[in-house]
């Protein structure tokens, strides 16, 4: 049960840190919008998988 709680706290802390972080990305270049868009898309996709997988592991540990 402790592992499940740690996983849930880790997910919540990661999301909170992301939204409250002072280290927002600066543009790679003024004319390289596609690179910035690709990086943001990659971060969103990997972040979503991180959240889902860790919450599923926590759920399996609880059950």
PDB file of N, CA and C in Angstrom:
ATOM      1  N   UNK A   1       0.824  -1.197   0.000  1.00  0.00           N
ATOM      2  CA  UNK A   1       0.000   0.000   0.000  1.00  0.00           C
ATOM      3  C   UNK A   1       0.862   1.253   0.000  1.00  0.00           C
ATOM      4  N   UNK A   2       1.999   1.193   0.672  1.00  0.00           N
ATOM      5  CA  UNK A   2       2.874   2.368   0.724  1.00  0.00           C
ATOM      6  C   UNK A   2       3.420   2.712  -0.659  1.00  0.00           C
ATOM      7  N   UNK A   3       3.692   1.673  -1.466  1.00  0.00           N
ATOM      8  CA  UNK A   3       4.198   1.924  -2.814  1.00  0.00           C
ATOM      9  C   UNK A   3       3.150   2.642  -3.646  1.00  0.00           C
ATOM     10  N   UNK A   4       1.895   2.261  -3.514  1.00  0.00           N
ATOM     11  CA  UNK A   4       0.814   2.913  -4.251  1.00  0.00           C
ATOM     12  C   UNK A   4       0.698   4.375  -3.848  1.00  0.00           C
ATOM     13  N   UNK A   5       0.799   4.647  -2.575  1.00  0.00           N
ATOM     14  CA  UNK A   5       0.713   6.040  -2.103  1.00  0.00           C
ATOM     15  C   UNK A   5       1.886   6.849  -2.639  1.00  0.00           C
ATOM     16  N   UNK A   6       3.069   6.270  -2.638  1.00  0.00           N
ATOM     17  CA  UNK A   6       4.241   6.969  -3.163  1.00  0.00           C
ATOM     18  C   UNK A   6       4.064   7.270  -4.650  1.00  0.00           C
ATOM     19  N   UNK A   7       3.543   6.324  -5.420  1.00  0.00           N
ATOM     20  CA  UNK A   7       3.318   6.555  -6.845  1.00  0.00           C
ATOM     21  C   UNK A   7       2.307   7.675  -7.085  1.00  0.00           C
ATOM     22  N   UNK A   8       1.231   7.672  -6.333  1.00  0.00           N
ATOM     23  CA  UNK A   8       0.217   8.719  -6.490  1.00  0.00           C
ATOM     24  C   UNK A   8       0.787  10.077  -6.107  1.00  0.00           C
ATOM     25  N   UNK A   9       1.532  10.142  -5.016  1.00  0.00           N
ATOM     26  CA  UNK A   9       2.156  11.405  -4.599  1.00  0.00           C
ATOM     27  C   UNK A   9       3.158  11.874  -5.654  1.00  0.00           C
ATOM     28  N   UNK A  10       3.895  10.953  -6.245  1.00  0.00           N
ATOM     29  CA  UNK A  10       4.862  11.309  -7.276  1.00  0.00           C
ATOM     30  C   UNK A  10       4.173  11.908  -8.503  1.00  0.00           C
ATOM     31  N   UNK A  11       3.049  11.334  -8.908  1.00  0.00           N
ATOM     32  CA  UNK A  11       2.309  11.864 -10.055  1.00  0.00           C
ATOM     33  C   UNK A  11       1.771  13.257  -9.739  1.00  0.00           C
ATOM     34  N   UNK A  12       1.165  13.422  -8.576  1.00  0.00           N
ATOM     35  CA  UNK A  12       0.611  14.731  -8.197  1.00  0.00           C
ATOM     36  C   UNK A  12       1.723  15.770  -8.077  1.00  0.00           C
ATOM     37  N   UNK A  13       2.848  15.397  -7.490  1.00  0.00           N
ATOM     38  CA  UNK A  13       3.969  16.331  -7.353  1.00  0.00           C
ATOM     39  C   UNK A  13       4.543  16.707  -8.716  1.00  0.00           C
ATOM     40  N   UNK A  14       4.617  15.763  -9.632  1.00  0.00           N
ATOM     41  CA  UNK A  14       5.131  16.059 -10.971  1.00  0.00           C
ATOM     42  C   UNK A  14       4.224  17.032 -11.719  1.00  0.00           C
ATOM     43  N   UNK A  15       2.928  16.804 -11.629  1.00  0.00           N
ATOM     44  CA  UNK A  15       1.984  17.703 -12.299  1.00  0.00           C
ATOM     45  C   UNK A  15       2.034  19.088 -11.672  1.00  0.00           C
ATOM     46  N   UNK A  16       2.059  19.149 -10.342  1.00  0.00           N
ATOM     47  CA  UNK A  16       2.130  20.438  -9.654  1.00  0.00           C
ATOM     48  C   UNK A  16       3.407  21.179 -10.010  1.00  0.00           C
ATOM     49  N   UNK A  17       4.533  20.475 -10.016  1.00  0.00           N
ATOM     50  CA  UNK A  17       5.803  21.110 -10.367  1.00  0.00           C
ATOM     51  C   UNK A  17       5.778  21.643 -11.793  1.00  0.00           C
ATOM     52  N   UNK A  18       5.165  20.890 -12.701  1.00  0.00           N
ATOM     53  CA  UNK A  18       5.109  21.347 -14.097  1.00  0.00           C
ATOM     54  C   UNK A  18       4.353  22.660 -14.217  1.00  0.00           C
ATOM     55  N   UNK A  19       3.205  22.759 -13.559  1.00  0.00           N
ATOM     56  CA  UNK A  19       2.395  23.968 -13.703  1.00  0.00           C
ATOM     57  C   UNK A  19       2.911  25.141 -12.871  1.00  0.00           C
ATOM     58  N   UNK A  20       3.642  24.881 -11.797  1.00  0.00           N
ATOM     59  CA  UNK A  20       4.162  25.966 -10.963  1.00  0.00           C
ATOM     60  C   UNK A  20       5.634  26.255 -11.222  1.00  0.00           C
ATOM     61  N   UNK A  21       6.227  25.555 -12.186  1.00  0.00           N
ATOM     62  CA  UNK A  21       7.656  25.685 -12.460  1.00  0.00           C
ATOM     63  C   UNK A  21       7.993  27.050 -13.063  1.00  0.00           C
ATOM     64  N   UNK A  22       9.043  27.684 -12.571  1.00  0.00           N
ATOM     65  CA  UNK A  22       9.465  28.959 -13.165  1.00  0.00           C
ATOM     66  C   UNK A  22      10.319  28.757 -14.416  1.00  0.00           C
ATOM     67  N   UNK A  23      10.629  27.520 -14.772  1.00  0.00           N
ATOM     68  CA  UNK A  23      11.534  27.245 -15.885  1.00  0.00           C
ATOM     69  C   UNK A  23      10.777  26.900 -17.147  1.00  0.00           C
ATOM     70  N   UNK A  24       9.979  27.817 -17.640  1.00  0.00           N
ATOM     71  CA  UNK A  24       9.279  27.576 -18.896  1.00  0.00           C
ATOM     72  C   UNK A  24      10.273  27.636 -20.036  1.00  0.00           C
ATOM     73  N   UNK A  25       9.982  26.877 -21.074  1.00  0.00           N
ATOM     74  CA  UNK A  25      10.875  26.829 -22.219  1.00  0.00           C
ATOM     75  C   UNK A  25      10.929  28.165 -22.936  1.00  0.00           C
ATOM     76  N   UNK A  26      12.112  28.535 -23.343  1.00  0.00           N
ATOM     77  CA  UNK A  26      12.248  29.692 -24.215  1.00  0.00           C
ATOM     78  C   UNK A  26      12.227  29.180 -25.640  1.00  0.00           C
ATOM     79  N   UNK A  27      11.764  29.977 -26.582  1.00  0.00           N
ATOM     80  CA  UNK A  27      11.709  29.507 -27.967  1.00  0.00           C
ATOM     81  C   UNK A  27      13.106  29.121 -28.464  1.00  0.00           C
ATOM     82  N   UNK A  28      13.173  28.015 -29.220  1.00  0.00           N
ATOM     83  CA  UNK A  28      14.452  27.567 -29.763  1.00  0.00           C
ATOM     84  C   UNK A  28      14.995  28.609 -30.737  1.00  0.00           C
ATOM     85  N   UNK A  29      14.122  29.190 -31.501  1.00  0.00           N
ATOM     86  CA  UNK A  29      14.500  30.236 -32.443  1.00  0.00           C
ATOM     87  C   UNK A  29      13.219  30.925 -32.878  1.00  0.00           C
ATOM     88  N   UNK A  30      13.341  32.128 -33.334  1.00  0.00           N
ATOM     89  CA  UNK A  30      12.145  32.869 -33.713  1.00  0.00           C
ATOM     90  C   UNK A  30      11.465  32.264 -34.938  1.00  0.00           C
ATOM     91  N   UNK A  31      12.207  31.556 -35.761  1.00  0.00           N
ATOM     92  CA  UNK A  31      11.605  30.992 -36.967  1.00  0.00           C
ATOM     93  C   UNK A  31      11.523  29.463 -36.927  1.00  0.00           C
ATOM     94  N   UNK A  32      11.687  28.866 -35.786  1.00  0.00           N
ATOM     95  CA  UNK A  32      11.622  27.413 -35.677  1.00  0.00           C
ATOM     96  C   UNK A  32      10.429  26.983 -34.844  1.00  0.00           C
ATOM     97  N   UNK A  33       9.265  27.471 -35.192  1.00  0.00           N
ATOM     98  CA  UNK A  33       8.046  27.147 -34.448  1.00  0.00           C
ATOM     99  C   UNK A  33       7.707  25.670 -34.461  1.00  0.00           C
ATOM    100  N   UNK A  34       8.056  24.974 -35.559  1.00  0.00           N
ATOM    101  CA  UNK A  34       7.752  23.540 -35.634  1.00  0.00           C
ATOM    102  C   UNK A  34       8.544  22.746 -34.599  1.00  0.00           C
ATOM    103  N   UNK A  35       9.770  23.151 -34.337  1.00  0.00           N
ATOM    104  CA  UNK A  35      10.586  22.447 -33.340  1.00  0.00           C
ATOM    105  C   UNK A  35       9.983  22.626 -31.947  1.00  0.00           C
ATOM    106  N   UNK A  36       9.581  23.847 -31.631  1.00  0.00           N
ATOM    107  CA  UNK A  36       8.953  24.093 -30.333  1.00  0.00           C
ATOM    108  C   UNK A  36       7.635  23.328 -30.222  1.00  0.00           C
ATOM    109  N   UNK A  37       6.864  23.292 -31.295  1.00  0.00           N
ATOM    110  CA  UNK A  37       5.606  22.550 -31.294  1.00  0.00           C
ATOM    111  C   UNK A  37       5.825  21.055 -31.120  1.00  0.00           C
ATOM    112  N   UNK A  38       6.844  20.526 -31.799  1.00  0.00           N
ATOM    113  CA  UNK A  38       7.152  19.102 -31.674  1.00  0.00           C
ATOM    114  C   UNK A  38       7.603  18.765 -30.250  1.00  0.00           C
ATOM    115  N   UNK A  39       8.400  19.631 -29.643  1.00  0.00           N
ATOM    116  CA  UNK A  39       8.846  19.402 -28.271  1.00  0.00           C
ATOM    117  C   UNK A  39       7.660  19.436 -27.311  1.00  0.00           C
ATOM    118  N   UNK A  40       6.776  20.397 -27.469  1.00  0.00           N
ATOM    119  CA  UNK A  40       5.600  20.476 -26.600  1.00  0.00           C
ATOM    120  C   UNK A  40       4.702  19.255 -26.779  1.00  0.00           C
ATOM    121  N   UNK A  41       4.508  18.808 -28.023  1.00  0.00           N
ATOM    122  CA  UNK A  41       3.695  17.626 -28.276  1.00  0.00           C
ATOM    123  C   UNK A  41       4.321  16.389 -27.635  1.00  0.00           C
ATOM    124  N   UNK A  42       5.628  16.253 -27.750  1.00  0.00           N
ATOM    125  CA  UNK A  42       6.331  15.128 -27.139  1.00  0.00           C
ATOM    126  C   UNK A  42       6.177  15.149 -25.619  1.00  0.00           C
ATOM    127  N   UNK A  43       6.305  16.312 -25.013  1.00  0.00           N
ATOM    128  CA  UNK A  43       6.154  16.424 -23.555  1.00  0.00           C
ATOM    129  C   UNK A  43       4.732  16.089 -23.111  1.00  0.00           C
ATOM    130  N   UNK A  44       3.739  16.504 -23.878  1.00  0.00           N
ATOM    131  CA  UNK A  44       2.345  16.209 -23.527  1.00  0.00           C
ATOM    132  C   UNK A  44       2.078  14.707 -23.635  1.00  0.00           C
ATOM    133  N   UNK A  45       2.537  14.089 -24.726  1.00  0.00           N
ATOM    134  CA  UNK A  45       2.291  12.662 -24.917  1.00  0.00           C
ATOM    135  C   UNK A  45       3.005  11.834 -23.851  1.00  0.00           C
ATOM    136  N   UNK A  46       4.290  12.110 -23.624  1.00  0.00           N
ATOM    137  CA  UNK A  46       5.022  11.334 -22.615  1.00  0.00           C
ATOM    138  C   UNK A  46       4.487  11.610 -21.210  1.00  0.00           C
ATOM    139  N   UNK A  47       4.067  12.838 -20.958  1.00  0.00           N
ATOM    140  CA  UNK A  47       3.476  13.156 -19.660  1.00  0.00           C
ATOM    141  C   UNK A  47       2.173  12.408 -19.428  1.00  0.00           C
ATOM    142  N   UNK A  48       1.347  12.312 -20.462  1.00  0.00           N
ATOM    143  CA  UNK A  48       0.085  11.581 -20.336  1.00  0.00           C
ATOM    144  C   UNK A  48       0.352  10.101 -20.060  1.00  0.00           C
ATOM    145  N   UNK A  49       1.309   9.515 -20.778  1.00  0.00           N
ATOM    146  CA  UNK A  49       1.645   8.115 -20.532  1.00  0.00           C
ATOM    147  C   UNK A  49       2.224   7.926 -19.128  1.00  0.00           C
ATOM    148  N   UNK A  50       3.044   8.859 -18.670  1.00  0.00           N
ATOM    149  CA  UNK A  50       3.612   8.793 -17.321  1.00  0.00           C
ATOM    150  C   UNK A  50       2.497   8.750 -16.278  1.00  0.00           C
ATOM    151  N   UNK A  51       1.529   9.632 -16.429  1.00  0.00           N
ATOM    152  CA  UNK A  51       0.426   9.703 -15.469  1.00  0.00           C
ATOM    153  C   UNK A  51      -0.397   8.424 -15.502  1.00  0.00           C
ATOM    154  N   UNK A  52      -0.794   7.994 -16.687  1.00  0.00           N
ATOM    155  CA  UNK A  52      -1.651   6.809 -16.806  1.00  0.00           C
ATOM    156  C   UNK A  52      -0.949   5.558 -16.285  1.00  0.00           C
ATOM    157  N   UNK A  53       0.288   5.351 -16.691  1.00  0.00           N
ATOM    158  CA  UNK A  53       1.003   4.140 -16.284  1.00  0.00           C
ATOM    159  C   UNK A  53       1.225   4.108 -14.774  1.00  0.00           C
ATOM    160  N   UNK A  54       1.629   5.217 -14.185  1.00  0.00           N
ATOM    161  CA  UNK A  54       1.872   5.224 -12.740  1.00  0.00           C
ATOM    162  C   UNK A  54       0.581   5.054 -11.946  1.00  0.00           C
ATOM    163  N   UNK A  55      -0.503   5.651 -12.398  1.00  0.00           N
ATOM    164  CA  UNK A  55      -1.774   5.457 -11.693  1.00  0.00           C
ATOM    165  C   UNK A  55      -2.278   4.029 -11.853  1.00  0.00           C
ATOM    166  N   UNK A  56      -2.047   3.410 -13.017  1.00  0.00           N
ATOM    167  CA  UNK A  56      -2.429   2.007 -13.189  1.00  0.00           C
ATOM    168  C   UNK A  56      -1.598   1.108 -12.260  1.00  0.00           C
ATOM    169  N   UNK A  57      -0.303   1.366 -12.165  1.00  0.00           N
ATOM    170  CA  UNK A  57       0.530   0.572 -11.263  1.00  0.00           C
ATOM    171  C   UNK A  57       0.044   0.729  -9.822  1.00  0.00           C
ATOM    172  N   UNK A  58      -0.277   1.961  -9.431  1.00  0.00           N
ATOM    173  CA  UNK A  58      -0.792   2.187  -8.070  1.00  0.00           C
ATOM    174  C   UNK A  58      -2.096   1.429  -7.856  1.00  0.00           C
ATOM    175  N   UNK A  59      -2.967   1.444  -8.846  1.00  0.00           N
ATOM    176  CA  UNK A  59      -4.231   0.728  -8.732  1.00  0.00           C
ATOM    177  C   UNK A  59      -3.996  -0.782  -8.587  1.00  0.00           C
ATOM    178  N   UNK A  60      -3.082  -1.335  -9.388  1.00  0.00           N
ATOM    179  CA  UNK A  60      -2.788  -2.761  -9.306  1.00  0.00           C
ATOM    180  C   UNK A  60      -2.174  -3.123  -7.955  1.00  0.00           C
ATOM    181  N   UNK A  61      -1.341  -2.252  -7.413  1.00  0.00           N
ATOM    182  CA  UNK A  61      -0.735  -2.519  -6.111  1.00  0.00           C
ATOM    183  C   UNK A  61      -1.819  -2.515  -5.028  1.00  0.00           C
ATOM    184  N   UNK A  62      -2.748  -1.603  -5.114  1.00  0.00           N
ATOM    185  CA  UNK A  62      -3.832  -1.539  -4.123  1.00  0.00           C
ATOM    186  C   UNK A  62      -4.696  -2.787  -4.210  1.00  0.00           C
ATOM    187  N   UNK A  63      -5.022  -3.201  -5.411  1.00  0.00           N
ATOM    188  CA  UNK A  63      -5.872  -4.390  -5.588  1.00  0.00           C
ATOM    189  C   UNK A  63      -5.100  -5.652  -5.290  1.00  0.00           C
TER     190      UNK A  63
END
